[in-house]
């Protein structure tokens, strides 16, 4: 009588190799995710899903957003956007020194880092902020290599929070100025850029105090960005 064949058993990876398996799948999944969003607008972000005020947004291609808005964001958030590889090392060092001295906390994040955080990760402060930093660096590297500057700016301008329950500059322009982002004046663009760090607490219409002064400063810098061609990489 013939002996029945033995059932094949799957060989499990040794425990010390399993983290490498998880790392492989994380890398593969994250690269695929970034590749998809290189051509498809991100439908929603974790920040939007966590917003109890709802979501008002209207995806708009970069060609439909006034160049003044791009210049205002560069002037306010990331003057070296076109020259760095996703990380402004000078700004990071200055932020570390300032925070170490116990002064007011200030980050050194670039537009690329903010885009990576807004699209693929979560907001938050405290220890969760430090947990987020490692994947933030990874996703920043990926979008710089796969998307390029134009796509990074386009996505940022569409997912950035511009008010309570409001996301993207198109929805922000409609909310504050009753017209689309295609016709933003330097002053209007600067006011939206001025509220980006704290969109729930700052007012773009009839701002006062720091927000008004900061908006005026950004307006002046918009002209400098134009003269020096600091937004040239976005329009190659």
C-alpha atoms as a PDB file:
ATOM      1  CA  UNK A   1       0.000   0.000   0.000  1.00  0.00           C
ATOM      2  CA  UNK A   2       1.418   3.349  -1.074  1.00  0.00           C
ATOM      3  CA  UNK A   3       2.321   5.851   1.580  1.00  0.00           C
ATOM      4  CA  UNK A   4       0.278   9.083   1.204  1.00  0.00           C
ATOM      5  CA  UNK A   5       2.366  12.169   0.438  1.00  0.00           C
ATOM      6  CA  UNK A   6       3.144  14.412   3.369  1.00  0.00           C
ATOM      7  CA  UNK A   7       1.302  17.695   3.517  1.00  0.00           C
ATOM      8  CA  UNK A   8       3.526  20.621   2.736  1.00  0.00           C
ATOM      9  CA  UNK A   9       4.028  22.997   5.628  1.00  0.00           C
ATOM     10  CA  UNK A  10       4.883  26.664   5.271  1.00  0.00           C
ATOM     11  CA  UNK A  11       8.186  27.587   6.777  1.00  0.00           C
ATOM     12  CA  UNK A  12       7.837  30.578   9.057  1.00  0.00           C
ATOM     13  CA  UNK A  13      10.466  33.264   9.149  1.00  0.00           C
ATOM     14  CA  UNK A  14      12.591  33.305  12.275  1.00  0.00           C
ATOM     15  CA  UNK A  15      11.370  35.922  14.747  1.00  0.00           C
ATOM     16  CA  UNK A  16      14.431  38.074  14.226  1.00  0.00           C
ATOM     17  CA  UNK A  17      13.686  38.407  10.483  1.00  0.00           C
ATOM     18  CA  UNK A  18      10.008  39.313  10.842  1.00  0.00           C
ATOM     19  CA  UNK A  19      10.627  43.049  11.353  1.00  0.00           C
ATOM     20  CA  UNK A  20      12.363  43.114   7.948  1.00  0.00           C
ATOM     21  CA  UNK A  21       9.279  41.539   6.384  1.00  0.00           C
ATOM     22  CA  UNK A  22       7.069  44.239   7.911  1.00  0.00           C
ATOM     23  CA  UNK A  23       9.525  46.896   6.773  1.00  0.00           C
ATOM     24  CA  UNK A  24       9.435  45.535   3.226  1.00  0.00           C
ATOM     25  CA  UNK A  25       5.643  45.690   3.104  1.00  0.00           C
ATOM     26  CA  UNK A  26       5.612  49.200   4.582  1.00  0.00           C
ATOM     27  CA  UNK A  27       8.078  50.415   1.953  1.00  0.00           C
ATOM     28  CA  UNK A  28       6.173  48.721  -0.874  1.00  0.00           C
ATOM     29  CA  UNK A  29       2.797  50.049   0.284  1.00  0.00           C
ATOM     30  CA  UNK A  30       4.069  53.594   0.875  1.00  0.00           C
ATOM     31  CA  UNK A  31       5.741  53.784  -2.551  1.00  0.00           C
ATOM     32  CA  UNK A  32       2.523  52.564  -4.218  1.00  0.00           C
ATOM     33  CA  UNK A  33       0.492  55.099  -2.213  1.00  0.00           C
ATOM     34  CA  UNK A  34       2.740  57.957  -3.322  1.00  0.00           C
ATOM     35  CA  UNK A  35       2.663  56.762  -6.945  1.00  0.00           C
ATOM     36  CA  UNK A  36      -1.150  56.756  -6.944  1.00  0.00           C
ATOM     37  CA  UNK A  37      -1.334  60.273  -5.508  1.00  0.00           C
ATOM     38  CA  UNK A  38       1.127  61.462  -8.132  1.00  0.00           C
ATOM     39  CA  UNK A  39      -1.788  61.390 -10.590  1.00  0.00           C
ATOM     40  CA  UNK A  40      -4.922  61.065  -8.430  1.00  0.00           C
ATOM     41  CA  UNK A  41      -6.058  63.849  -6.054  1.00  0.00           C
ATOM     42  CA  UNK A  42      -5.989  62.644  -2.424  1.00  0.00           C
ATOM     43  CA  UNK A  43      -9.690  62.107  -1.681  1.00  0.00           C
ATOM     44  CA  UNK A  44      -9.392  62.707   2.068  1.00  0.00           C
ATOM     45  CA  UNK A  45      -6.755  62.976   4.799  1.00  0.00           C
ATOM     46  CA  UNK A  46      -6.619  61.831   8.422  1.00  0.00           C
ATOM     47  CA  UNK A  47      -6.852  65.491   9.475  1.00  0.00           C
ATOM     48  CA  UNK A  48     -10.080  65.924   7.519  1.00  0.00           C
ATOM     49  CA  UNK A  49     -11.573  62.731   8.926  1.00  0.00           C
ATOM     50  CA  UNK A  50     -10.827  63.911  12.464  1.00  0.00           C
ATOM     51  CA  UNK A  51     -12.389  67.344  11.901  1.00  0.00           C
ATOM     52  CA  UNK A  52     -15.685  67.562  13.793  1.00  0.00           C
ATOM     53  CA  UNK A  53     -16.577  70.708  11.807  1.00  0.00           C
ATOM     54  CA  UNK A  54     -17.016  68.780   8.581  1.00  0.00           C
ATOM     55  CA  UNK A  55     -15.098  69.107   5.328  1.00  0.00           C
ATOM     56  CA  UNK A  56     -15.435  71.837   2.727  1.00  0.00           C
ATOM     57  CA  UNK A  57     -12.973  71.476  -0.145  1.00  0.00           C
ATOM     58  CA  UNK A  58     -12.768  71.816  -3.905  1.00  0.00           C
ATOM     59  CA  UNK A  59      -9.767  70.279  -5.648  1.00  0.00           C
ATOM     60  CA  UNK A  60      -8.252  72.765  -8.086  1.00  0.00           C
ATOM     61  CA  UNK A  61      -5.323  72.120 -10.404  1.00  0.00           C
ATOM     62  CA  UNK A  62      -2.325  74.400 -10.073  1.00  0.00           C
ATOM     63  CA  UNK A  63      -3.199  76.025 -13.392  1.00  0.00           C
ATOM     64  CA  UNK A  64      -6.417  77.206 -11.740  1.00  0.00           C
ATOM     65  CA  UNK A  65      -4.657  78.822  -8.755  1.00  0.00           C
ATOM     66  CA  UNK A  66      -3.238  82.318  -9.024  1.00  0.00           C
ATOM     67  CA  UNK A  67       0.553  82.433  -8.984  1.00  0.00           C
ATOM     68  CA  UNK A  68       0.301  84.998  -6.185  1.00  0.00           C
ATOM     69  CA  UNK A  69      -0.860  82.162  -3.907  1.00  0.00           C
ATOM     70  CA  UNK A  70       2.183  80.046  -4.708  1.00  0.00           C
ATOM     71  CA  UNK A  71       4.447  83.034  -4.108  1.00  0.00           C
ATOM     72  CA  UNK A  72       2.705  83.863  -0.824  1.00  0.00           C
ATOM     73  CA  UNK A  73       3.164  80.305   0.479  1.00  0.00           C
ATOM     74  CA  UNK A  74       6.844  80.324  -0.459  1.00  0.00           C
ATOM     75  CA  UNK A  75       7.263  83.750   1.135  1.00  0.00           C
ATOM     76  CA  UNK A  76       5.553  82.691   4.356  1.00  0.00           C
ATOM     77  CA  UNK A  77       6.397  79.012   4.749  1.00  0.00           C
ATOM     78  CA  UNK A  78       9.451  78.018   2.741  1.00  0.00           C
ATOM     79  CA  UNK A  79      11.698  80.551   1.022  1.00  0.00           C
ATOM     80  CA  UNK A  80      14.073  77.802  -0.129  1.00  0.00           C
ATOM     81  CA  UNK A  81      11.350  75.583  -1.593  1.00  0.00           C
ATOM     82  CA  UNK A  82      12.960  75.473  -5.029  1.00  0.00           C
ATOM     83  CA  UNK A  83      16.504  74.903  -3.805  1.00  0.00           C
ATOM     84  CA  UNK A  84      16.222  72.267  -1.067  1.00  0.00           C
ATOM     85  CA  UNK A  85      15.659  68.521  -1.357  1.00  0.00           C
ATOM     86  CA  UNK A  86      12.675  68.529   0.961  1.00  0.00           C
ATOM     87  CA  UNK A  87      14.566  69.542   4.113  1.00  0.00           C
ATOM     88  CA  UNK A  88      15.847  72.993   5.032  1.00  0.00           C
ATOM     89  CA  UNK A  89      18.726  72.007   7.278  1.00  0.00           C
ATOM     90  CA  UNK A  90      19.511  75.589   8.342  1.00  0.00           C
ATOM     91  CA  UNK A  91      15.913  76.124   9.470  1.00  0.00           C
ATOM     92  CA  UNK A  92      15.902  72.787  11.307  1.00  0.00           C
ATOM     93  CA  UNK A  93      19.110  73.684  13.192  1.00  0.00           C
ATOM     94  CA  UNK A  94      17.741  77.113  14.103  1.00  0.00           C
ATOM     95  CA  UNK A  95      14.498  75.561  15.352  1.00  0.00           C
ATOM     96  CA  UNK A  96      16.406  73.060  17.495  1.00  0.00           C
ATOM     97  CA  UNK A  97      18.554  75.819  19.003  1.00  0.00           C
ATOM     98  CA  UNK A  98      15.562  78.047  19.666  1.00  0.00           C
ATOM     99  CA  UNK A  99      13.518  75.267  21.256  1.00  0.00           C
ATOM    100  CA  UNK A 100      16.507  74.137  23.355  1.00  0.00           C
ATOM    101  CA  UNK A 101      16.731  77.629  24.832  1.00  0.00           C
ATOM    102  CA  UNK A 102      13.136  77.349  25.983  1.00  0.00           C
ATOM    103  CA  UNK A 103      11.857  79.977  23.629  1.00  0.00           C
ATOM    104  CA  UNK A 104       8.544  79.785  21.813  1.00  0.00           C
ATOM    105  CA  UNK A 105       8.323  76.473  19.948  1.00  0.00           C
ATOM    106  CA  UNK A 106       8.888  76.914  16.248  1.00  0.00           C
ATOM    107  CA  UNK A 107       9.311  74.188  13.677  1.00  0.00           C
ATOM    108  CA  UNK A 108      11.627  74.070  10.699  1.00  0.00           C
ATOM    109  CA  UNK A 109       9.278  72.147   8.407  1.00  0.00           C
ATOM    110  CA  UNK A 110       9.312  72.814   4.687  1.00  0.00           C
ATOM    111  CA  UNK A 111       6.286  72.815   2.407  1.00  0.00           C
ATOM    112  CA  UNK A 112       7.365  69.319   1.324  1.00  0.00           C
ATOM    113  CA  UNK A 113       7.377  68.061   4.921  1.00  0.00           C
ATOM    114  CA  UNK A 114       4.029  69.685   5.645  1.00  0.00           C
ATOM    115  CA  UNK A 115       2.560  68.099   2.531  1.00  0.00           C
ATOM    116  CA  UNK A 116       3.848  64.657   3.535  1.00  0.00           C
ATOM    117  CA  UNK A 117       2.382  65.097   7.015  1.00  0.00           C
ATOM    118  CA  UNK A 118      -0.965  66.452   5.800  1.00  0.00           C
ATOM    119  CA  UNK A 119      -1.524  63.797   3.140  1.00  0.00           C
ATOM    120  CA  UNK A 120      -0.102  60.586   4.617  1.00  0.00           C
ATOM    121  CA  UNK A 121       0.148  61.086   8.372  1.00  0.00           C
ATOM    122  CA  UNK A 122      -1.567  62.771  11.303  1.00  0.00           C
ATOM    123  CA  UNK A 123      -1.467  66.033  13.207  1.00  0.00           C
ATOM    124  CA  UNK A 124      -0.678  66.219  16.887  1.00  0.00           C
ATOM    125  CA  UNK A 125       1.747  67.459  19.473  1.00  0.00           C
ATOM    126  CA  UNK A 126       3.629  65.942  22.376  1.00  0.00           C
ATOM    127  CA  UNK A 127       5.124  62.475  22.008  1.00  0.00           C
ATOM    128  CA  UNK A 128       2.996  61.647  18.934  1.00  0.00           C
ATOM    129  CA  UNK A 129       4.779  64.443  17.121  1.00  0.00           C
ATOM    130  CA  UNK A 130       8.111  62.715  17.626  1.00  0.00           C
ATOM    131  CA  UNK A 131       6.712  59.312  16.619  1.00  0.00           C
ATOM    132  CA  UNK A 132       5.494  60.914  13.384  1.00  0.00           C
ATOM    133  CA  UNK A 133       8.880  62.359  12.438  1.00  0.00           C
ATOM    134  CA  UNK A 134      10.427  59.143  11.092  1.00  0.00           C
ATOM    135  CA  UNK A 135       7.651  58.330   8.591  1.00  0.00           C
ATOM    136  CA  UNK A 136       7.414  62.050   7.785  1.00  0.00           C
ATOM    137  CA  UNK A 137      11.052  62.044   6.652  1.00  0.00           C
ATOM    138  CA  UNK A 138      10.408  58.939   4.543  1.00  0.00           C
ATOM    139  CA  UNK A 139       7.292  60.304   2.832  1.00  0.00           C
ATOM    140  CA  UNK A 140       9.001  63.663   2.251  1.00  0.00           C
ATOM    141  CA  UNK A 141      11.847  61.854   0.509  1.00  0.00           C
ATOM    142  CA  UNK A 142       9.378  59.892  -1.632  1.00  0.00           C
ATOM    143  CA  UNK A 143       7.289  62.844  -2.809  1.00  0.00           C
ATOM    144  CA  UNK A 144      10.405  64.848  -3.637  1.00  0.00           C
ATOM    145  CA  UNK A 145      11.696  61.982  -5.792  1.00  0.00           C
ATOM    146  CA  UNK A 146       8.390  60.841  -7.313  1.00  0.00           C
ATOM    147  CA  UNK A 147       6.173  63.928  -7.458  1.00  0.00           C
ATOM    148  CA  UNK A 148       8.544  66.820  -7.937  1.00  0.00           C
ATOM    149  CA  UNK A 149       8.053  70.417  -6.824  1.00  0.00           C
ATOM    150  CA  UNK A 150       5.042  71.294  -8.958  1.00  0.00           C
ATOM    151  CA  UNK A 151       2.940  68.365  -7.742  1.00  0.00           C
ATOM    152  CA  UNK A 152       4.013  68.937  -4.132  1.00  0.00           C
ATOM    153  CA  UNK A 153       2.854  72.553  -4.294  1.00  0.00           C
ATOM    154  CA  UNK A 154      -0.382  71.593  -6.043  1.00  0.00           C
ATOM    155  CA  UNK A 155      -1.265  68.994  -3.418  1.00  0.00           C
ATOM    156  CA  UNK A 156      -0.265  71.270  -0.533  1.00  0.00           C
ATOM    157  CA  UNK A 157      -2.511  74.072  -1.789  1.00  0.00           C
ATOM    158  CA  UNK A 158      -5.422  71.638  -1.957  1.00  0.00           C
ATOM    159  CA  UNK A 159      -5.113  69.843   1.391  1.00  0.00           C
ATOM    160  CA  UNK A 160      -3.841  72.577   3.718  1.00  0.00           C
ATOM    161  CA  UNK A 161      -6.407  73.657   6.296  1.00  0.00           C
ATOM    162  CA  UNK A 162      -7.522  77.206   5.489  1.00  0.00           C
ATOM    163  CA  UNK A 163     -10.267  77.690   8.061  1.00  0.00           C
ATOM    164  CA  UNK A 164     -12.701  75.890  10.330  1.00  0.00           C
ATOM    165  CA  UNK A 165     -13.756  72.833   8.348  1.00  0.00           C
ATOM    166  CA  UNK A 166     -12.198  74.368   5.227  1.00  0.00           C
ATOM    167  CA  UNK A 167      -9.414  72.766   3.198  1.00  0.00           C
ATOM    168  CA  UNK A 168      -7.493  74.057   0.217  1.00  0.00           C
ATOM    169  CA  UNK A 169      -7.034  77.562  -1.132  1.00  0.00           C
ATOM    170  CA  UNK A 170      -9.986  77.330  -3.506  1.00  0.00           C
ATOM    171  CA  UNK A 171     -12.409  76.727  -0.624  1.00  0.00           C
ATOM    172  CA  UNK A 172     -10.538  79.335   1.446  1.00  0.00           C
ATOM    173  CA  UNK A 173     -10.758  81.970  -1.284  1.00  0.00           C
ATOM    174  CA  UNK A 174     -14.479  81.312  -1.716  1.00  0.00           C
ATOM    175  CA  UNK A 175     -15.021  81.508   2.037  1.00  0.00           C
ATOM    176  CA  UNK A 176     -13.104  84.715   2.668  1.00  0.00           C
ATOM    177  CA  UNK A 177     -13.216  86.679  -0.583  1.00  0.00           C
ATOM    178  CA  UNK A 178     -16.263  85.263  -2.404  1.00  0.00           C
ATOM    179  CA  UNK A 179     -14.315  84.339  -5.534  1.00  0.00           C
ATOM    180  CA  UNK A 180     -12.078  81.516  -6.670  1.00  0.00           C
ATOM    181  CA  UNK A 181      -8.359  81.022  -6.180  1.00  0.00           C
ATOM    182  CA  UNK A 182      -7.714  81.835  -9.851  1.00  0.00           C
ATOM    183  CA  UNK A 183      -7.933  85.572  -9.170  1.00  0.00           C
ATOM    184  CA  UNK A 184      -6.228  86.175  -5.857  1.00  0.00           C
ATOM    185  CA  UNK A 185      -4.472  89.493  -5.396  1.00  0.00           C
ATOM    186  CA  UNK A 186      -1.099  89.529  -3.608  1.00  0.00           C
ATOM    187  CA  UNK A 187      -2.833  90.883  -0.495  1.00  0.00           C
ATOM    188  CA  UNK A 188      -5.554  88.218  -0.519  1.00  0.00           C
ATOM    189  CA  UNK A 189      -3.032  85.428  -1.089  1.00  0.00           C
ATOM    190  CA  UNK A 190      -0.861  86.791   1.710  1.00  0.00           C
ATOM    191  CA  UNK A 191      -3.800  86.807   4.118  1.00  0.00           C
ATOM    192  CA  UNK A 192      -4.548  83.150   3.408  1.00  0.00           C
ATOM    193  CA  UNK A 193      -0.856  82.301   3.836  1.00  0.00           C
ATOM    194  CA  UNK A 194      -0.783  84.221   7.124  1.00  0.00           C
ATOM    195  CA  UNK A 195      -3.469  82.042   8.700  1.00  0.00           C
ATOM    196  CA  UNK A 196      -2.083  78.662   7.551  1.00  0.00           C
ATOM    197  CA  UNK A 197      -0.211  77.873  10.795  1.00  0.00           C
ATOM    198  CA  UNK A 198      -3.344  78.457  12.898  1.00  0.00           C
ATOM    199  CA  UNK A 199      -6.366  78.480  10.571  1.00  0.00           C
ATOM    200  CA  UNK A 200      -8.887  77.948  13.366  1.00  0.00           C
ATOM    201  CA  UNK A 201      -7.654  80.926  15.389  1.00  0.00           C
ATOM    202  CA  UNK A 202      -6.592  83.489  12.780  1.00  0.00           C
ATOM    203  CA  UNK A 203      -8.899  85.529  10.580  1.00  0.00           C
ATOM    204  CA  UNK A 204      -8.200  86.260   6.905  1.00  0.00           C
ATOM    205  CA  UNK A 205     -10.940  88.881   6.628  1.00  0.00           C
ATOM    206  CA  UNK A 206     -10.312  92.116   8.525  1.00  0.00           C
ATOM    207  CA  UNK A 207      -7.402  90.640  10.493  1.00  0.00           C
ATOM    208  CA  UNK A 208      -5.982  92.467  13.463  1.00  0.00           C
ATOM    209  CA  UNK A 209      -2.806  92.487  15.493  1.00  0.00           C
ATOM    210  CA  UNK A 210      -0.147  89.958  14.558  1.00  0.00           C
ATOM    211  CA  UNK A 211      -2.128  88.399  11.701  1.00  0.00           C
ATOM    212  CA  UNK A 212      -2.559  91.785   9.985  1.00  0.00           C
ATOM    213  CA  UNK A 213       1.115  92.686  10.405  1.00  0.00           C
ATOM    214  CA  UNK A 214       2.239  89.240   9.287  1.00  0.00           C
ATOM    215  CA  UNK A 215      -0.041  89.411   6.249  1.00  0.00           C
ATOM    216  CA  UNK A 216       1.437  92.777   5.279  1.00  0.00           C
ATOM    217  CA  UNK A 217       4.946  91.346   5.608  1.00  0.00           C
ATOM    218  CA  UNK A 218       4.054  88.398   3.366  1.00  0.00           C
ATOM    219  CA  UNK A 219       2.535  90.773   0.798  1.00  0.00           C
ATOM    220  CA  UNK A 220       5.855  92.604   0.589  1.00  0.00           C
ATOM    221  CA  UNK A 221       7.753  89.316   0.290  1.00  0.00           C
ATOM    222  CA  UNK A 222       5.535  88.175  -2.593  1.00  0.00           C
ATOM    223  CA  UNK A 223       7.215  90.799  -4.738  1.00  0.00           C
ATOM    224  CA  UNK A 224      10.634  89.526  -3.681  1.00  0.00           C
ATOM    225  CA  UNK A 225       9.704  85.953  -4.591  1.00  0.00           C
ATOM    226  CA  UNK A 226       8.606  87.195  -8.019  1.00  0.00           C
ATOM    227  CA  UNK A 227      11.745  89.295  -8.614  1.00  0.00           C
ATOM    228  CA  UNK A 228      14.143  86.554  -7.483  1.00  0.00           C
ATOM    229  CA  UNK A 229      12.304  83.754  -9.277  1.00  0.00           C
ATOM    230  CA  UNK A 230      11.964  81.723  -6.064  1.00  0.00           C
ATOM    231  CA  UNK A 231       8.875  80.016  -7.500  1.00  0.00           C
ATOM    232  CA  UNK A 232      10.477  79.074 -10.835  1.00  0.00           C
ATOM    233  CA  UNK A 233      10.664  75.343 -10.066  1.00  0.00           C
ATOM    234  CA  UNK A 234       6.882  75.184  -9.775  1.00  0.00           C
ATOM    235  CA  UNK A 235       6.375  76.473 -13.320  1.00  0.00           C
ATOM    236  CA  UNK A 236       9.080  74.654 -15.295  1.00  0.00           C
END
